[in-house]
Amino acid sequence: MTEYEVHGVGYSDTTEEDWDDPQLNDFETEDLGEVADHFLLSSSGFPPESFSDLRIPVVDPEGNLDRNALQTAYSGGHGVEAIDDITGETVEEVRDRLLSLAGEGFGIGEDELEEPPS
């Protein structure tokens, strides 16, 4: 099993725009410590050793917490449970963090997170 580290994210606003997983070139910086603030998981710790170590992006490159990203990570086919070699305990920790972010940023709970992203 891979030892994933769960990380808090930083954001300045929220959005419900269409979601697409960000790539390193989408960010205005190549500082992996700053880029990591957009992701919940890393397979090499924080800051990560490489961009490819990062998983579960929920904040877009502009710094907005994205509702569709939260929904995808919580219940989508590309969600936390689809990650190979992740422990059930880590899945639950990430899902709890996603619920917390959804409530904090959008005032929604588990029922809304389980809806398919728009």
C-alpha atoms as a PDB file:
ATOM      1  CA  MET A   1       0.000   0.000   0.000  1.00  0.00           C
ATOM      2  CA  THR A   2       1.140   3.497  -0.802  1.00  0.00           C
ATOM      3  CA  GLU A   3       1.337   5.790   2.205  1.00  0.00           C
ATOM      4  CA  TYR A   4      -0.652   8.835   1.097  1.00  0.00           C
ATOM      5  CA  GLU A   5      -0.477  12.002   3.146  1.00  0.00           C
ATOM      6  CA  VAL A   6      -3.699  14.010   3.457  1.00  0.00           C
ATOM      7  CA  HIS A   7      -3.291  17.768   3.195  1.00  0.00           C
ATOM      8  CA  GLY A   8      -5.467  20.815   3.725  1.00  0.00           C
ATOM      9  CA  VAL A   9      -6.071  23.082   0.757  1.00  0.00           C
ATOM     10  CA  GLY A  10      -6.044  26.845   0.479  1.00  0.00           C
ATOM     11  CA  TYR A  11      -8.568  28.803  -1.552  1.00  0.00           C
ATOM     12  CA  SER A  12      -9.674  32.390  -1.952  1.00  0.00           C
ATOM     13  CA  ASP A  13     -13.142  31.929  -3.457  1.00  0.00           C
ATOM     14  CA  THR A  14     -15.522  29.283  -4.763  1.00  0.00           C
ATOM     15  CA  THR A  15     -16.776  28.335  -8.206  1.00  0.00           C
ATOM     16  CA  GLU A  16     -19.166  25.944  -9.898  1.00  0.00           C
ATOM     17  CA  GLU A  17     -17.425  26.127 -13.276  1.00  0.00           C
ATOM     18  CA  ASP A  18     -16.784  23.005 -15.349  1.00  0.00           C
ATOM     19  CA  TRP A  19     -13.946  20.988 -13.837  1.00  0.00           C
ATOM     20  CA  ASP A  20     -10.919  19.521 -15.527  1.00  0.00           C
ATOM     21  CA  ASP A  21      -7.941  18.129 -13.593  1.00  0.00           C
ATOM     22  CA  PRO A  22      -5.201  20.776 -13.637  1.00  0.00           C
ATOM     23  CA  GLN A  23      -1.778  20.133 -15.105  1.00  0.00           C
ATOM     24  CA  LEU A  24       1.442  21.721 -13.835  1.00  0.00           C
ATOM     25  CA  ASN A  25       1.519  24.175 -16.762  1.00  0.00           C
ATOM     26  CA  ASP A  26      -1.929  25.479 -15.698  1.00  0.00           C
ATOM     27  CA  PHE A  27      -0.337  27.138 -12.651  1.00  0.00           C
ATOM     28  CA  GLU A  28       1.550  30.434 -12.699  1.00  0.00           C
ATOM     29  CA  THR A  29       4.272  28.850 -10.585  1.00  0.00           C
ATOM     30  CA  GLU A  30       6.312  25.683 -10.697  1.00  0.00           C
ATOM     31  CA  ASP A  31       6.822  25.778  -6.912  1.00  0.00           C
ATOM     32  CA  LEU A  32       5.376  22.413  -5.915  1.00  0.00           C
ATOM     33  CA  GLY A  33       4.715  23.658  -2.393  1.00  0.00           C
ATOM     34  CA  GLU A  34       2.334  26.289  -3.763  1.00  0.00           C
ATOM     35  CA  VAL A  35       0.786  23.953  -6.328  1.00  0.00           C
ATOM     36  CA  ALA A  36       0.187  21.336  -3.607  1.00  0.00           C
ATOM     37  CA  ASP A  37      -2.230  23.715  -1.852  1.00  0.00           C
ATOM     38  CA  HIS A  38      -4.748  22.791  -4.581  1.00  0.00           C
ATOM     39  CA  PHE A  39      -4.634  19.021  -3.845  1.00  0.00           C
ATOM     40  CA  LEU A  40      -5.723  16.835  -0.927  1.00  0.00           C
ATOM     41  CA  LEU A  41      -3.305  13.907  -1.304  1.00  0.00           C
ATOM     42  CA  SER A  42       0.338  13.237  -2.028  1.00  0.00           C
ATOM     43  CA  SER A  43       2.191   9.958  -2.273  1.00  0.00           C
ATOM     44  CA  SER A  44       5.484  11.614  -1.263  1.00  0.00           C
ATOM     45  CA  GLY A  45       4.395  14.079   1.416  1.00  0.00           C
ATOM     46  CA  PHE A  46       4.038  17.848   1.360  1.00  0.00           C
ATOM     47  CA  PRO A  47       5.677  19.501  -0.402  1.00  0.00           C
ATOM     48  CA  PRO A  48       5.650  16.671  -2.935  1.00  0.00           C
ATOM     49  CA  GLU A  49       8.720  15.352  -4.711  1.00  0.00           C
ATOM     50  CA  SER A  50       7.005  15.724  -8.099  1.00  0.00           C
ATOM     51  CA  PHE A  51       3.722  16.933  -9.555  1.00  0.00           C
ATOM     52  CA  SER A  52       2.721  13.361 -10.406  1.00  0.00           C
ATOM     53  CA  ASP A  53       2.667  12.533  -6.671  1.00  0.00           C
ATOM     54  CA  LEU A  54      -0.345  14.803  -6.163  1.00  0.00           C
ATOM     55  CA  ARG A  55      -3.899  13.438  -6.169  1.00  0.00           C
ATOM     56  CA  ILE A  56      -7.414  14.784  -5.642  1.00  0.00           C
ATOM     57  CA  PRO A  57      -7.319  18.377  -6.889  1.00  0.00           C
ATOM     58  CA  VAL A  58     -10.249  20.446  -5.573  1.00  0.00           C
ATOM     59  CA  VAL A  59      -8.976  24.014  -6.006  1.00  0.00           C
ATOM     60  CA  ASP A  60      -8.535  25.385  -9.529  1.00  0.00           C
ATOM     61  CA  PRO A  61      -5.304  27.118 -10.599  1.00  0.00           C
ATOM     62  CA  GLU A  62      -6.898  30.522  -9.913  1.00  0.00           C
ATOM     63  CA  GLY A  63      -7.436  29.579  -6.249  1.00  0.00           C
ATOM     64  CA  ASN A  64     -11.163  28.763  -6.333  1.00  0.00           C
ATOM     65  CA  LEU A  65     -12.617  25.802  -4.485  1.00  0.00           C
ATOM     66  CA  ASP A  66     -14.611  24.013  -7.184  1.00  0.00           C
ATOM     67  CA  ARG A  67     -17.915  22.322  -6.336  1.00  0.00           C
ATOM     68  CA  ASN A  68     -17.686  19.997  -9.341  1.00  0.00           C
ATOM     69  CA  ALA A  69     -14.181  18.921  -8.267  1.00  0.00           C
ATOM     70  CA  LEU A  70     -15.500  18.123  -4.790  1.00  0.00           C
ATOM     71  CA  GLN A  71     -18.318  16.038  -6.268  1.00  0.00           C
ATOM     72  CA  THR A  72     -15.938  14.200  -8.599  1.00  0.00           C
ATOM     73  CA  ALA A  73     -13.533  13.471  -5.743  1.00  0.00           C
ATOM     74  CA  TYR A  74     -16.319  12.352  -3.417  1.00  0.00           C
ATOM     75  CA  SER A  75     -18.365  10.104  -5.655  1.00  0.00           C
ATOM     76  CA  GLY A  76     -17.197  10.313  -9.254  1.00  0.00           C
ATOM     77  CA  GLY A  77     -15.458   7.606 -11.227  1.00  0.00           C
ATOM     78  CA  HIS A  78     -12.193   9.486 -10.725  1.00  0.00           C
ATOM     79  CA  GLY A  79     -12.766   9.907  -7.008  1.00  0.00           C
ATOM     80  CA  VAL A  80     -10.676   9.006  -4.014  1.00  0.00           C
ATOM     81  CA  GLU A  81     -11.860   5.396  -3.991  1.00  0.00           C
ATOM     82  CA  ALA A  82     -10.526   4.895  -7.545  1.00  0.00           C
ATOM     83  CA  ILE A  83      -6.929   5.458  -6.418  1.00  0.00           C
ATOM     84  CA  ASP A  84      -4.845   2.291  -6.442  1.00  0.00           C
ATOM     85  CA  ASP A  85      -3.166   1.216  -3.202  1.00  0.00           C
ATOM     86  CA  ILE A  86      -5.039   3.582  -0.879  1.00  0.00           C
ATOM     87  CA  THR A  87      -6.133   2.401   2.557  1.00  0.00           C
ATOM     88  CA  GLY A  88      -9.753   2.509   3.652  1.00  0.00           C
ATOM     89  CA  GLU A  89      -8.714   4.749   6.529  1.00  0.00           C
ATOM     90  CA  THR A  90      -7.204   7.305   4.126  1.00  0.00           C
ATOM     91  CA  VAL A  91     -10.297   7.152   1.898  1.00  0.00           C
ATOM     92  CA  GLU A  92     -12.472   7.982   4.907  1.00  0.00           C
ATOM     93  CA  GLU A  93     -10.167  10.822   5.976  1.00  0.00           C
ATOM     94  CA  VAL A  94     -10.324  12.348   2.485  1.00  0.00           C
ATOM     95  CA  ARG A  95     -14.106  11.909   2.264  1.00  0.00           C
ATOM     96  CA  ASP A  96     -14.463  13.661   5.643  1.00  0.00           C
ATOM     97  CA  ARG A  97     -12.261  16.494   4.404  1.00  0.00           C
ATOM     98  CA  LEU A  98     -14.347  16.760   1.206  1.00  0.00           C
ATOM     99  CA  LEU A  99     -17.560  16.951   3.241  1.00  0.00           C
ATOM    100  CA  SER A 100     -16.057  19.649   5.420  1.00  0.00           C
ATOM    101  CA  LEU A 101     -14.956  21.702   2.397  1.00  0.00           C
ATOM    102  CA  ALA A 102     -18.367  21.283   0.731  1.00  0.00           C
ATOM    103  CA  GLY A 103     -20.141  22.544   3.830  1.00  0.00           C
ATOM    104  CA  GLU A 104     -17.695  25.388   4.391  1.00  0.00           C
ATOM    105  CA  GLY A 105     -17.549  26.571   0.785  1.00  0.00           C
ATOM    106  CA  PHE A 106     -21.006  25.787  -0.544  1.00  0.00           C
ATOM    107  CA  GLY A 107     -23.272  24.959   2.394  1.00  0.00           C
ATOM    108  CA  ILE A 108     -23.934  21.472   1.026  1.00  0.00           C
ATOM    109  CA  GLY A 109     -23.707  18.025   2.541  1.00  0.00           C
ATOM    110  CA  GLU A 110     -23.297  14.409   1.581  1.00  0.00           C
ATOM    111  CA  ASP A 111     -26.521  14.132  -0.469  1.00  0.00           C
ATOM    112  CA  GLU A 112     -25.450  16.950  -2.773  1.00  0.00           C
ATOM    113  CA  LEU A 113     -21.892  15.620  -3.053  1.00  0.00           C
ATOM    114  CA  GLU A 114     -23.211  12.270  -4.207  1.00  0.00           C
ATOM    115  CA  GLU A 115     -25.026  13.888  -7.137  1.00  0.00           C
ATOM    116  CA  PRO A 116     -23.153  13.650 -10.433  1.00  0.00           C
ATOM    117  CA  PRO A 117     -21.060  16.753 -11.170  1.00  0.00           C
ATOM    118  CA  SER A 118     -22.689  19.160 -13.610  1.00  0.00           C
END
